[in-house]
Structures are given as C-alpha cells and as structure tokens.
C-alpha cells in the first residue's frame, strides 16, 4: 500500500502577510533579515513570490509568535491550537 500525502498549499498572499508583519513589528527590512539571520536579498525574493525554505519559515514563525504577531502570518491557525483554548474559570 502506498500513501500519498498532499502538501499543504502555500498562501498566495504570503508577500502581503510578510509585509504586514514587518510593519506591525516595526522592523526595517534589514532588521527583519538580521533577526532571521538571513540576507535582505532573501526577503526581497520572498516579497517577489519565492517561498521561504522550511528553516527560514520556522524562524519567521518563532519570531512572530515571540512578539505576539503570529496571527498576521497565520490568520487561519489562530485559535486552532491546544494552547489557544480558554479554560473555564481562568
């Protein structure tokens, strides 16, 4: 038996999400590149539609989560995780 897993679709509006995140965080392109330990040219490629590799995407999500702006990059995931649920009495 062969299992085939369809990859999750990458959002077409990623460049817009990235720009909204960068502006909300108050980062210049150079500062965002520095925090992601990448080059500004890489960010320009992402803004032009190139998909980030998994390591850079993970670093971006960790950074966004750390400053409370993950919802700008992953609006469909907000409230879907086990730690996002409210507990009665809390």
N, C-alpha and C. Protein backbone atom coordinates (compact mmCIF):
# COMPACT_ATOMS: atom_id res chain seq x y z
N UNK A 1 0.85 -1.16 0.00
CA UNK A 1 0.00 0.00 0.00
C UNK A 1 0.91 1.24 0.00
N UNK A 2 0.55 2.20 -0.82
CA UNK A 2 1.31 3.43 -0.92
C UNK A 2 0.45 4.59 -0.43
N UNK A 3 0.99 5.36 0.49
CA UNK A 3 0.29 6.53 0.98
C UNK A 3 0.89 7.77 0.32
N UNK A 4 0.04 8.60 -0.15
CA UNK A 4 0.49 9.86 -0.73
C UNK A 4 -0.08 10.99 0.09
N UNK A 5 0.79 11.85 0.49
CA UNK A 5 0.37 12.99 1.29
C UNK A 5 0.44 14.23 0.42
N UNK A 6 -0.67 14.90 0.31
CA UNK A 6 -0.71 16.14 -0.45
C UNK A 6 -0.11 17.25 0.41
N UNK A 7 0.81 18.00 -0.14
CA UNK A 7 1.38 19.11 0.65
C UNK A 7 0.33 20.18 0.89
N UNK A 8 0.43 20.80 2.03
CA UNK A 8 -0.47 21.92 2.32
C UNK A 8 -0.18 23.04 1.33
N UNK A 9 -1.20 23.72 0.91
CA UNK A 9 -0.99 24.79 -0.05
C UNK A 9 -0.34 25.99 0.64
N UNK A 10 0.56 26.60 -0.07
CA UNK A 10 1.24 27.78 0.45
C UNK A 10 0.39 28.98 0.08
N UNK A 11 0.17 29.90 1.02
CA UNK A 11 -0.72 31.03 0.73
C UNK A 11 -0.17 31.94 -0.37
N UNK A 12 -1.03 32.25 -1.33
CA UNK A 12 -0.63 33.14 -2.42
C UNK A 12 -0.34 34.55 -1.93
N UNK A 13 -0.95 34.91 -0.81
CA UNK A 13 -0.76 36.27 -0.28
C UNK A 13 0.37 36.35 0.75
N UNK A 14 1.29 35.40 0.73
CA UNK A 14 2.39 35.43 1.70
C UNK A 14 3.18 36.73 1.66
N UNK A 15 3.52 37.27 0.49
CA UNK A 15 4.25 38.54 0.49
C UNK A 15 3.51 39.66 1.23
N UNK A 16 2.19 39.71 1.08
CA UNK A 16 1.40 40.73 1.78
C UNK A 16 1.39 40.46 3.28
N UNK A 17 1.28 39.20 3.66
CA UNK A 17 1.32 38.84 5.08
C UNK A 17 2.67 39.21 5.69
N UNK A 18 3.74 38.91 4.96
CA UNK A 18 5.08 39.22 5.45
C UNK A 18 5.26 40.72 5.64
N UNK A 19 4.80 41.50 4.68
CA UNK A 19 4.92 42.95 4.78
C UNK A 19 4.08 43.51 5.93
N UNK A 20 2.88 42.98 6.12
CA UNK A 20 2.04 43.41 7.24
C UNK A 20 2.72 43.08 8.57
N UNK A 21 3.31 41.90 8.66
CA UNK A 21 4.04 41.51 9.87
C UNK A 21 5.22 42.45 10.12
N UNK A 22 6.01 42.70 9.08
CA UNK A 22 7.20 43.54 9.24
C UNK A 22 6.82 44.93 9.72
N UNK A 23 5.79 45.50 9.12
CA UNK A 23 5.37 46.84 9.51
C UNK A 23 4.79 46.87 10.92
N UNK A 24 3.96 45.88 11.27
CA UNK A 24 3.38 45.83 12.61
C UNK A 24 4.45 45.64 13.68
N UNK A 25 5.50 44.91 13.34
CA UNK A 25 6.60 44.69 14.29
C UNK A 25 7.51 45.91 14.40
N UNK A 26 7.41 46.80 13.43
CA UNK A 26 8.25 47.99 13.44
C UNK A 26 9.67 47.73 12.96
N UNK A 27 9.83 46.68 12.16
CA UNK A 27 11.16 46.31 11.67
C UNK A 27 11.40 46.90 10.29
N UNK A 28 12.61 47.35 10.08
CA UNK A 28 13.03 47.65 8.71
C UNK A 28 13.30 46.30 8.04
N UNK A 29 13.46 46.30 6.75
CA UNK A 29 13.80 45.04 6.07
C UNK A 29 15.14 44.51 6.56
N UNK A 30 16.06 45.40 6.77
CA UNK A 30 17.38 44.99 7.26
C UNK A 30 17.28 44.37 8.66
N UNK A 31 16.46 44.99 9.53
CA UNK A 31 16.30 44.46 10.89
C UNK A 31 15.62 43.09 10.87
N UNK A 32 14.60 42.93 10.05
CA UNK A 32 13.94 41.63 9.95
C UNK A 32 14.91 40.58 9.44
N UNK A 33 15.69 40.91 8.44
CA UNK A 33 16.68 39.96 7.91
C UNK A 33 17.69 39.59 9.00
N UNK A 34 18.12 40.57 9.77
CA UNK A 34 19.08 40.31 10.84
C UNK A 34 18.49 39.38 11.88
N UNK A 35 17.25 39.63 12.27
CA UNK A 35 16.61 38.78 13.28
C UNK A 35 16.38 37.36 12.79
N UNK A 36 16.19 37.21 11.49
CA UNK A 36 16.01 35.88 10.91
C UNK A 36 17.32 35.23 10.51
N UNK A 37 18.40 35.98 10.70
CA UNK A 37 19.75 35.51 10.33
C UNK A 37 19.81 35.13 8.86
N UNK A 38 19.29 36.03 8.05
CA UNK A 38 19.32 35.85 6.61
C UNK A 38 19.72 37.17 5.97
N UNK A 39 19.61 37.25 4.68
CA UNK A 39 20.04 38.43 3.93
C UNK A 39 18.82 39.19 3.43
N UNK A 40 18.96 40.49 3.30
CA UNK A 40 17.87 41.32 2.79
C UNK A 40 17.44 40.86 1.40
N UNK A 41 18.38 40.38 0.61
CA UNK A 41 18.05 39.90 -0.73
C UNK A 41 17.09 38.72 -0.68
N UNK A 42 17.23 37.89 0.35
CA UNK A 42 16.32 36.76 0.52
C UNK A 42 14.91 37.27 0.80
N UNK A 43 14.79 38.29 1.65
CA UNK A 43 13.48 38.87 1.94
C UNK A 43 12.85 39.46 0.68
N UNK A 44 13.66 40.09 -0.15
CA UNK A 44 13.15 40.65 -1.41
C UNK A 44 12.61 39.53 -2.30
N UNK A 45 13.29 38.40 -2.31
CA UNK A 45 12.81 37.25 -3.10
C UNK A 45 11.46 36.77 -2.58
N UNK A 46 11.33 36.73 -1.25
CA UNK A 46 10.05 36.32 -0.66
C UNK A 46 8.95 37.29 -1.05
N UNK A 47 9.28 38.58 -1.04
CA UNK A 47 8.29 39.59 -1.43
C UNK A 47 7.92 39.48 -2.91
N UNK A 48 8.78 38.88 -3.71
CA UNK A 48 8.51 38.69 -5.14
C UNK A 48 7.87 37.34 -5.44
N UNK A 49 7.55 36.58 -4.39
CA UNK A 49 6.82 35.34 -4.58
C UNK A 49 7.58 34.06 -4.37
N UNK A 50 8.88 34.12 -4.12
CA UNK A 50 9.65 32.91 -3.82
C UNK A 50 9.28 32.44 -2.42
N UNK A 51 9.08 31.15 -2.28
CA UNK A 51 8.72 30.60 -0.97
C UNK A 51 9.96 30.44 -0.10
N UNK A 52 9.85 30.79 1.18
CA UNK A 52 10.97 30.56 2.10
C UNK A 52 11.18 29.07 2.31
N UNK A 53 12.42 28.69 2.58
CA UNK A 53 12.66 27.28 2.92
C UNK A 53 12.14 27.03 4.33
N UNK A 54 12.08 25.78 4.71
CA UNK A 54 11.46 25.41 5.99
C UNK A 54 12.20 26.01 7.19
N UNK A 55 13.50 26.10 7.15
CA UNK A 55 14.25 26.66 8.28
C UNK A 55 13.93 28.15 8.45
N UNK A 56 13.89 28.89 7.34
CA UNK A 56 13.57 30.31 7.43
C UNK A 56 12.12 30.54 7.82
N UNK A 57 11.23 29.71 7.32
CA UNK A 57 9.83 29.84 7.67
C UNK A 57 9.62 29.56 9.15
N UNK A 58 10.29 28.56 9.66
CA UNK A 58 10.20 28.25 11.09
C UNK A 58 10.73 29.41 11.92
N UNK A 59 11.88 29.96 11.54
CA UNK A 59 12.45 31.10 12.27
C UNK A 59 11.50 32.30 12.24
N UNK A 60 10.85 32.53 11.11
CA UNK A 60 9.89 33.62 10.99
C UNK A 60 8.71 33.40 11.92
N UNK A 61 8.18 32.18 11.97
CA UNK A 61 7.05 31.88 12.83
C UNK A 61 7.42 31.99 14.31
N UNK A 62 8.61 31.54 14.67
CA UNK A 62 9.07 31.66 16.06
C UNK A 62 9.19 33.13 16.45
N UNK A 63 9.78 33.92 15.57
CA UNK A 63 9.90 35.36 15.83
C UNK A 63 8.52 35.99 15.99
N UNK A 64 7.62 35.70 15.06
CA UNK A 64 6.27 36.28 15.10
C UNK A 64 5.52 35.86 16.36
N UNK A 65 5.63 34.61 16.74
CA UNK A 65 4.96 34.13 17.95
C UNK A 65 5.54 34.80 19.18
N UNK A 66 6.85 34.99 19.19
CA UNK A 66 7.52 35.60 20.33
C UNK A 66 7.12 37.03 20.59
N UNK A 67 6.69 37.74 19.55
CA UNK A 67 6.28 39.13 19.74
C UNK A 67 4.76 39.30 19.59
N UNK A 68 4.05 38.19 19.55
CA UNK A 68 2.60 38.23 19.55
C UNK A 68 1.96 38.61 18.22
N UNK A 69 2.66 38.39 17.11
CA UNK A 69 2.14 38.78 15.81
C UNK A 69 1.98 37.60 14.84
N UNK A 70 1.95 36.40 15.37
CA UNK A 70 1.83 35.23 14.51
C UNK A 70 0.53 35.25 13.70
N UNK A 71 -0.51 35.85 14.26
CA UNK A 71 -1.79 35.90 13.57
C UNK A 71 -1.71 36.63 12.23
N UNK A 72 -0.72 37.50 12.06
CA UNK A 72 -0.57 38.20 10.78
C UNK A 72 -0.04 37.27 9.69
N UNK A 73 0.75 36.28 10.08
CA UNK A 73 1.31 35.34 9.12
C UNK A 73 0.41 34.11 8.95
N UNK A 74 -0.26 33.72 10.01
CA UNK A 74 -1.10 32.51 10.00
C UNK A 74 -2.49 32.82 10.56
N UNK A 75 -3.26 33.66 9.90
CA UNK A 75 -4.57 34.01 10.46
C UNK A 75 -5.51 32.82 10.59
N UNK A 76 -5.36 31.83 9.71
CA UNK A 76 -6.24 30.66 9.77
C UNK A 76 -5.91 29.71 10.91
N UNK A 77 -4.75 29.87 11.54
CA UNK A 77 -4.33 28.97 12.62
C UNK A 77 -4.62 29.54 14.00
N UNK A 78 -4.95 30.80 14.08
CA UNK A 78 -5.19 31.42 15.39
C UNK A 78 -6.43 30.81 16.01
N UNK A 79 -6.26 30.38 17.26
CA UNK A 79 -7.37 29.77 17.97
C UNK A 79 -7.56 28.30 17.69
N UNK A 80 -6.70 27.73 16.85
CA UNK A 80 -6.87 26.33 16.48
C UNK A 80 -6.00 25.39 17.31
N UNK A 81 -5.04 25.93 18.02
CA UNK A 81 -4.11 25.10 18.76
C UNK A 81 -4.60 24.74 20.14
N UNK A 82 -4.03 23.71 20.75
CA UNK A 82 -4.47 23.26 22.07
C UNK A 82 -4.21 24.27 23.17
N UNK A 83 -3.29 25.19 22.96
CA UNK A 83 -2.97 26.18 23.98
C UNK A 83 -3.74 27.46 23.80
N UNK A 84 -4.56 27.53 22.76
CA UNK A 84 -5.32 28.74 22.49
C UNK A 84 -6.73 28.69 23.06
N UNK A 85 -7.10 27.58 23.62
CA UNK A 85 -8.45 27.43 24.17
C UNK A 85 -8.56 28.04 25.55
N UNK A 86 -9.71 28.64 25.82
CA UNK A 86 -9.95 29.17 27.15
C UNK A 86 -10.40 28.03 28.05
N UNK A 87 -9.98 28.10 29.30
CA UNK A 87 -10.36 27.09 30.28
C UNK A 87 -11.36 27.73 31.22
N UNK A 88 -12.44 27.03 31.55
CA UNK A 88 -13.46 27.58 32.44
C UNK A 88 -12.82 28.00 33.76
N UNK A 89 -13.17 29.21 34.18
CA UNK A 89 -12.67 29.70 35.47
C UNK A 89 -11.35 30.40 35.36
N UNK A 90 -10.76 30.48 34.19
CA UNK A 90 -9.45 31.15 34.06
C UNK A 90 -9.58 32.35 33.17
